[in-house]
């Protein structure tokens, strides 16, 4: 049987944070490198020029990579113990 090639593919799942924030997250492979990806609805606050979604992409093996047990960014766990379920739109770097 041929082995499946995940190169340049990814998958996302809908999630809801404890705060009620809905977002999607998953894993993406680009040229053989795996990345964690999270996509958040953007509150446009009446400004239609703002994007509909904000995207956060981090290398799986990077300093902010997700912990395999609970999907919380490792750096966030070290800083304040917060899990991914406690993320909000204010946590985005842009």
Foldseek 3Di string as FASTA:
>chain_A
DDDDDQEQHWDKDWDAAPVRFIKIWTWGHYPRFIKIKIKGADDCVPPPVDDRIDMDIDTCPDQQHADPPQRGGPVCCVVPNDGPSPDDPVPDPD
